[in-house]
């Protein structure tokens, strides 16, 4: 992960998860008919072809201001890794992710147990 951030590569598969959620929301029932599934797949194919055409023309995919800000903060933390103590670095990284409170407190208590 460290080298992926330094190389400015994707950190997660959120784009795949986002696509899956969008695809799933287009199918309204849990056991759809084959014809409806086929129609949905054709619609998805045309959307993906349109997206590919925009990328080929040089259009940059939009990201939210929140995501851009978070990505910048994480990159700054990674680039400053050598100048930070491990616990400070990990706390800084933890503040850049959305956790449920229970997961966050477990994460922090685990960090304290390690250090």
N, C-alpha and C. Protein backbone atom coordinates (compact mmCIF):
# COMPACT_ATOMS: atom_id res chain seq x y z
N UNK A 1 0.82 -1.18 0.00
CA UNK A 1 0.00 0.00 0.00
C UNK A 1 0.87 1.26 0.00
N UNK A 2 1.92 1.23 0.79
CA UNK A 2 2.82 2.37 0.90
C UNK A 2 3.38 2.74 -0.48
N UNK A 3 3.88 1.75 -1.20
CA UNK A 3 4.46 2.02 -2.52
C UNK A 3 3.39 2.41 -3.53
N UNK A 4 2.16 1.89 -3.38
CA UNK A 4 1.08 2.27 -4.29
C UNK A 4 0.74 3.75 -4.11
N UNK A 5 0.73 4.21 -2.86
CA UNK A 5 0.42 5.63 -2.62
C UNK A 5 1.55 6.49 -3.16
N UNK A 6 2.79 6.10 -2.88
CA UNK A 6 3.93 6.87 -3.39
C UNK A 6 3.95 6.93 -4.91
N UNK A 7 3.51 5.86 -5.55
CA UNK A 7 3.47 5.81 -7.01
C UNK A 7 2.19 6.43 -7.57
N UNK A 8 1.34 6.93 -6.67
CA UNK A 8 0.08 7.56 -7.04
C UNK A 8 -0.84 6.61 -7.81
N UNK A 9 -0.89 5.35 -7.35
CA UNK A 9 -1.78 4.35 -7.92
C UNK A 9 -3.01 4.22 -7.03
N UNK A 10 -4.04 3.54 -7.53
CA UNK A 10 -5.25 3.34 -6.74
C UNK A 10 -4.93 2.54 -5.49
N UNK A 11 -5.54 2.92 -4.37
CA UNK A 11 -5.29 2.24 -3.11
C UNK A 11 -6.25 1.09 -2.88
N UNK A 12 -7.46 1.20 -3.40
CA UNK A 12 -8.48 0.21 -3.08
C UNK A 12 -9.24 -0.18 -4.34
N UNK A 13 -10.20 -1.03 -4.16
CA UNK A 13 -11.08 -1.42 -5.26
C UNK A 13 -12.43 -0.72 -5.13
N UNK A 14 -12.43 0.49 -4.57
CA UNK A 14 -13.68 1.22 -4.38
C UNK A 14 -14.41 1.47 -5.69
N UNK A 15 -13.67 1.67 -6.78
CA UNK A 15 -14.32 1.91 -8.06
C UNK A 15 -15.10 0.68 -8.50
N UNK A 16 -14.55 -0.50 -8.25
CA UNK A 16 -15.25 -1.74 -8.58
C UNK A 16 -16.48 -1.90 -7.70
N UNK A 17 -16.32 -1.62 -6.41
CA UNK A 17 -17.46 -1.72 -5.50
C UNK A 17 -18.54 -0.71 -5.87
N UNK A 18 -18.13 0.48 -6.28
CA UNK A 18 -19.10 1.49 -6.71
C UNK A 18 -19.85 1.05 -7.95
N UNK A 19 -19.13 0.47 -8.90
CA UNK A 19 -19.77 -0.03 -10.10
C UNK A 19 -20.77 -1.13 -9.74
N UNK A 20 -20.36 -2.03 -8.86
CA UNK A 20 -21.24 -3.14 -8.48
C UNK A 20 -22.50 -2.64 -7.80
N UNK A 21 -22.37 -1.67 -6.91
CA UNK A 21 -23.55 -1.12 -6.24
C UNK A 21 -24.48 -0.44 -7.24
N UNK A 22 -23.91 0.30 -8.19
CA UNK A 22 -24.71 0.96 -9.21
C UNK A 22 -25.42 -0.07 -10.08
N UNK A 23 -24.69 -1.10 -10.48
CA UNK A 23 -25.26 -2.16 -11.30
C UNK A 23 -26.39 -2.88 -10.55
N UNK A 24 -26.14 -3.17 -9.28
CA UNK A 24 -27.11 -3.88 -8.46
C UNK A 24 -28.37 -3.03 -8.24
N UNK A 25 -28.21 -1.71 -8.12
CA UNK A 25 -29.37 -0.86 -7.89
C UNK A 25 -30.27 -0.78 -9.12
N UNK A 26 -29.73 -1.06 -10.30
CA UNK A 26 -30.54 -1.06 -11.51
C UNK A 26 -31.42 -2.27 -11.64
N UNK A 27 -31.12 -3.31 -10.89
CA UNK A 27 -31.94 -4.52 -10.90
C UNK A 27 -32.78 -4.47 -9.63
N UNK A 28 -34.09 -4.36 -9.81
CA UNK A 28 -34.94 -4.05 -8.66
C UNK A 28 -35.36 -5.25 -7.83
N UNK A 29 -35.24 -6.45 -8.34
CA UNK A 29 -35.65 -7.61 -7.54
C UNK A 29 -34.50 -8.61 -7.44
N UNK A 30 -34.58 -9.48 -6.47
CA UNK A 30 -33.47 -10.40 -6.23
C UNK A 30 -33.40 -11.52 -7.26
N UNK A 31 -34.53 -11.88 -7.88
CA UNK A 31 -34.55 -12.94 -8.91
C UNK A 31 -35.17 -12.37 -10.17
N UNK A 32 -34.39 -11.60 -10.89
CA UNK A 32 -34.89 -10.97 -12.10
C UNK A 32 -34.96 -11.97 -13.25
N UNK A 33 -35.77 -11.66 -14.24
CA UNK A 33 -35.87 -12.55 -15.39
C UNK A 33 -34.63 -12.38 -16.27
N UNK A 34 -34.42 -13.38 -17.10
CA UNK A 34 -33.25 -13.36 -17.99
C UNK A 34 -33.33 -12.18 -18.95
N UNK A 35 -34.51 -11.88 -19.45
CA UNK A 35 -34.68 -10.78 -20.40
C UNK A 35 -34.34 -9.45 -19.74
N UNK A 36 -34.81 -9.24 -18.51
CA UNK A 36 -34.50 -7.99 -17.80
C UNK A 36 -33.01 -7.88 -17.51
N UNK A 37 -32.39 -9.00 -17.14
CA UNK A 37 -30.95 -9.00 -16.90
C UNK A 37 -30.20 -8.66 -18.19
N UNK A 38 -30.61 -9.25 -19.29
CA UNK A 38 -29.96 -8.98 -20.57
C UNK A 38 -30.11 -7.51 -20.96
N UNK A 39 -31.30 -6.94 -20.76
CA UNK A 39 -31.52 -5.52 -21.06
C UNK A 39 -30.63 -4.64 -20.18
N UNK A 40 -30.51 -5.01 -18.92
CA UNK A 40 -29.66 -4.24 -18.00
C UNK A 40 -28.19 -4.33 -18.41
N UNK A 41 -27.75 -5.51 -18.82
CA UNK A 41 -26.37 -5.68 -19.28
C UNK A 41 -26.10 -4.86 -20.55
N UNK A 42 -27.08 -4.80 -21.46
CA UNK A 42 -26.91 -3.99 -22.67
C UNK A 42 -26.82 -2.50 -22.33
N UNK A 43 -27.64 -2.07 -21.39
CA UNK A 43 -27.57 -0.67 -20.93
C UNK A 43 -26.21 -0.37 -20.32
N UNK A 44 -25.73 -1.30 -19.49
CA UNK A 44 -24.43 -1.12 -18.85
C UNK A 44 -23.32 -1.08 -19.89
N UNK A 45 -23.41 -1.92 -20.91
CA UNK A 45 -22.39 -1.91 -21.96
C UNK A 45 -22.36 -0.57 -22.67
N UNK A 46 -23.52 0.00 -22.99
CA UNK A 46 -23.53 1.29 -23.67
C UNK A 46 -22.97 2.39 -22.77
N UNK A 47 -23.26 2.33 -21.46
CA UNK A 47 -22.69 3.31 -20.53
C UNK A 47 -21.17 3.20 -20.47
N UNK A 48 -20.66 1.98 -20.42
CA UNK A 48 -19.22 1.77 -20.36
C UNK A 48 -18.53 2.19 -21.66
N UNK A 49 -19.18 1.96 -22.79
CA UNK A 49 -18.61 2.41 -24.07
C UNK A 49 -18.56 3.93 -24.14
N UNK A 50 -19.59 4.59 -23.60
CA UNK A 50 -19.59 6.07 -23.57
C UNK A 50 -18.49 6.58 -22.66
N UNK A 51 -18.29 5.93 -21.51
CA UNK A 51 -17.21 6.31 -20.59
C UNK A 51 -15.85 6.13 -21.24
N UNK A 52 -15.67 5.02 -21.93
CA UNK A 52 -14.40 4.77 -22.62
C UNK A 52 -14.16 5.83 -23.69
N UNK A 53 -15.18 6.22 -24.42
CA UNK A 53 -15.03 7.25 -25.45
C UNK A 53 -14.62 8.58 -24.82
N UNK A 54 -15.17 8.92 -23.65
CA UNK A 54 -14.78 10.16 -22.98
C UNK A 54 -13.32 10.10 -22.54
N UNK A 55 -12.88 8.95 -22.02
CA UNK A 55 -11.48 8.80 -21.60
C UNK A 55 -10.54 8.90 -22.80
N UNK A 56 -10.96 8.33 -23.93
CA UNK A 56 -10.12 8.38 -25.13
C UNK A 56 -9.95 9.80 -25.64
N UNK A 57 -10.92 10.68 -25.36
CA UNK A 57 -10.80 12.07 -25.78
C UNK A 57 -10.01 12.91 -24.78
N UNK A 58 -9.59 12.29 -23.68
CA UNK A 58 -8.77 12.99 -22.71
C UNK A 58 -9.53 13.54 -21.52
N UNK A 59 -10.82 13.26 -21.42
CA UNK A 59 -11.59 13.74 -20.27
C UNK A 59 -11.15 12.99 -19.02
N UNK A 60 -10.92 13.73 -17.96
CA UNK A 60 -10.48 13.15 -16.70
C UNK A 60 -11.71 12.82 -15.85
N UNK A 61 -11.77 11.60 -15.29
CA UNK A 61 -12.92 11.27 -14.43
C UNK A 61 -13.00 12.21 -13.24
N UNK A 62 -14.22 12.60 -12.88
CA UNK A 62 -14.42 13.50 -11.76
C UNK A 62 -14.30 12.76 -10.43
N UNK A 63 -13.69 13.44 -9.48
CA UNK A 63 -13.67 12.93 -8.11
C UNK A 63 -14.21 14.04 -7.21
N UNK A 64 -14.71 13.65 -6.09
CA UNK A 64 -15.28 14.64 -5.18
C UNK A 64 -14.15 15.43 -4.51
N UNK A 65 -14.48 16.62 -4.05
CA UNK A 65 -13.51 17.45 -3.33
C UNK A 65 -13.02 16.72 -2.08
N UNK A 66 -13.94 16.01 -1.42
CA UNK A 66 -13.59 15.26 -0.21
C UNK A 66 -12.54 14.19 -0.54
N UNK A 67 -12.74 13.46 -1.64
CA UNK A 67 -11.79 12.42 -2.03
C UNK A 67 -10.44 13.02 -2.41
N UNK A 68 -10.46 14.11 -3.14
CA UNK A 68 -9.20 14.76 -3.52
C UNK A 68 -8.43 15.22 -2.30
N UNK A 69 -9.14 15.81 -1.35
CA UNK A 69 -8.51 16.29 -0.13
C UNK A 69 -7.92 15.14 0.67
N UNK A 70 -8.70 14.06 0.82
CA UNK A 70 -8.22 12.89 1.57
C UNK A 70 -7.00 12.27 0.87
N UNK A 71 -7.05 12.13 -0.45
CA UNK A 71 -5.92 11.57 -1.18
C UNK A 71 -4.66 12.41 -1.00
N UNK A 72 -4.81 13.73 -1.00
CA UNK A 72 -3.67 14.62 -0.80
C UNK A 72 -3.09 14.46 0.60
N UNK A 73 -3.97 14.37 1.62
CA UNK A 73 -3.49 14.19 3.00
C UNK A 73 -2.75 12.87 3.16
N UNK A 74 -3.28 11.80 2.59
CA UNK A 74 -2.64 10.49 2.69
C UNK A 74 -1.28 10.51 1.99
N UNK A 75 -1.21 11.12 0.82
CA UNK A 75 0.06 11.22 0.10
C UNK A 75 1.09 11.99 0.94
N UNK A 76 0.65 13.07 1.57
CA UNK A 76 1.54 13.85 2.43
C UNK A 76 2.06 13.03 3.59
N UNK A 77 1.19 12.25 4.22
CA UNK A 77 1.61 11.38 5.33
C UNK A 77 2.63 10.34 4.86
N UNK A 78 2.37 9.73 3.72
CA UNK A 78 3.27 8.70 3.21
C UNK A 78 4.63 9.30 2.86
N UNK A 79 4.62 10.46 2.24
CA UNK A 79 5.89 11.09 1.88
C UNK A 79 6.68 11.53 3.11
N UNK A 80 6.01 11.75 4.24
CA UNK A 80 6.68 12.19 5.46
C UNK A 80 6.87 11.03 6.45
N UNK A 81 6.71 9.81 5.98
CA UNK A 81 6.77 8.62 6.84
C UNK A 81 8.06 8.54 7.65
N UNK A 82 9.19 8.81 7.03
CA UNK A 82 10.49 8.67 7.71
C UNK A 82 10.65 9.65 8.86
N UNK A 83 9.91 10.74 8.86
CA UNK A 83 10.03 11.77 9.89
C UNK A 83 9.03 11.61 11.03
N UNK A 84 8.25 10.56 11.02
CA UNK A 84 7.21 10.38 12.03
C UNK A 84 7.45 9.11 12.83
N UNK A 85 6.96 9.12 14.06
CA UNK A 85 6.96 7.90 14.85
C UNK A 85 5.84 7.01 14.31
N UNK A 86 5.99 5.70 14.49
CA UNK A 86 5.02 4.76 13.93
C UNK A 86 3.59 5.03 14.40
N UNK A 87 3.40 5.24 15.69
CA UNK A 87 2.07 5.46 16.22
C UNK A 87 1.46 6.75 15.68
N UNK A 88 2.26 7.80 15.57
CA UNK A 88 1.78 9.06 15.01
C UNK A 88 1.37 8.90 13.56
N UNK A 89 2.18 8.15 12.81
CA UNK A 89 1.87 7.89 11.41
C UNK A 89 0.55 7.12 11.28
N UNK A 90 0.40 6.06 12.08
CA UNK A 90 -0.80 5.24 11.99
C UNK A 90 -2.04 6.00 12.44
N UNK A 91 -1.91 6.83 13.47
CA UNK A 91 -3.04 7.66 13.89
C UNK A 91 -3.44 8.63 12.78
N UNK A 92 -2.44 9.23 12.16
CA UNK A 92 -2.73 10.15 11.05
C UNK A 92 -3.45 9.45 9.92
N UNK A 93 -3.03 8.23 9.60
CA UNK A 93 -3.70 7.48 8.55
C UNK A 93 -5.13 7.12 8.97
N UNK A 94 -5.31 6.72 10.22
CA UNK A 94 -6.63 6.33 10.70
C UNK A 94 -7.62 7.48 10.61
N UNK A 95 -7.16 8.69 10.80
CA UNK A 95 -8.06 9.85 10.74
C UNK A 95 -8.55 10.13 9.33
N UNK A 96 -7.94 9.51 8.34
CA UNK A 96 -8.34 9.74 6.96
C UNK A 96 -9.30 8.70 6.42
N UNK A 97 -9.77 7.82 7.28
CA UNK A 97 -10.70 6.79 6.84
C UNK A 97 -11.95 6.84 7.68
N UNK A 98 -13.06 6.48 7.08
CA UNK A 98 -14.35 6.47 7.77
C UNK A 98 -14.54 5.11 8.41
N UNK A 99 -14.52 5.09 9.73
CA UNK A 99 -14.74 3.87 10.47
C UNK A 99 -16.01 4.03 11.28
N UNK A 100 -16.64 2.93 11.60
CA UNK A 100 -17.65 2.97 12.64
C UNK A 100 -16.92 3.20 13.95
N UNK A 101 -17.55 3.84 14.89
CA UNK A 101 -16.90 4.19 16.14
C UNK A 101 -16.31 2.96 16.82
N UNK A 102 -17.05 1.83 16.80
CA UNK A 102 -16.57 0.62 17.46
C UNK A 102 -15.28 0.13 16.79
N UNK A 103 -15.24 0.17 15.47
CA UNK A 103 -14.04 -0.26 14.76
C UNK A 103 -12.87 0.67 15.05
N UNK A 104 -13.16 1.96 15.12
CA UNK A 104 -12.11 2.94 15.38
C UNK A 104 -11.50 2.71 16.77
N UNK A 105 -12.35 2.54 17.78
CA UNK A 105 -11.82 2.35 19.13
C UNK A 105 -11.05 1.04 19.23
N UNK A 106 -11.52 0.01 18.53
CA UNK A 106 -10.78 -1.26 18.52
C UNK A 106 -9.42 -1.07 17.84
N UNK A 107 -9.41 -0.34 16.74
CA UNK A 107 -8.17 -0.07 16.00
C UNK A 107 -7.17 0.67 16.89
N UNK A 108 -7.64 1.72 17.56
CA UNK A 108 -6.75 2.51 18.42
C UNK A 108 -6.27 1.68 19.60
N UNK A 109 -7.15 0.88 20.21
CA UNK A 109 -6.72 0.06 21.34
C UNK A 109 -5.71 -0.99 20.90
N UNK A 110 -5.85 -1.51 19.68
CA UNK A 110 -4.89 -2.46 19.14
C UNK A 110 -3.54 -1.78 18.92
N UNK A 111 -3.57 -0.54 18.44
CA UNK A 111 -2.32 0.20 18.25
C UNK A 111 -1.61 0.40 19.59
N UNK A 112 -2.38 0.77 20.61
CA UNK A 112 -1.78 0.98 21.93
C UNK A 112 -1.18 -0.32 22.48
N UNK A 113 -1.85 -1.43 22.19
CA UNK A 113 -1.33 -2.72 22.66
C UNK A 113 -0.01 -3.07 21.94
N UNK A 114 0.10 -2.66 20.68
CA UNK A 114 1.32 -2.97 19.91
C UNK A 114 2.51 -2.10 20.34
N UNK A 115 2.22 -0.87 20.74
CA UNK A 115 3.29 0.06 21.05
C UNK A 115 3.27 0.36 22.51
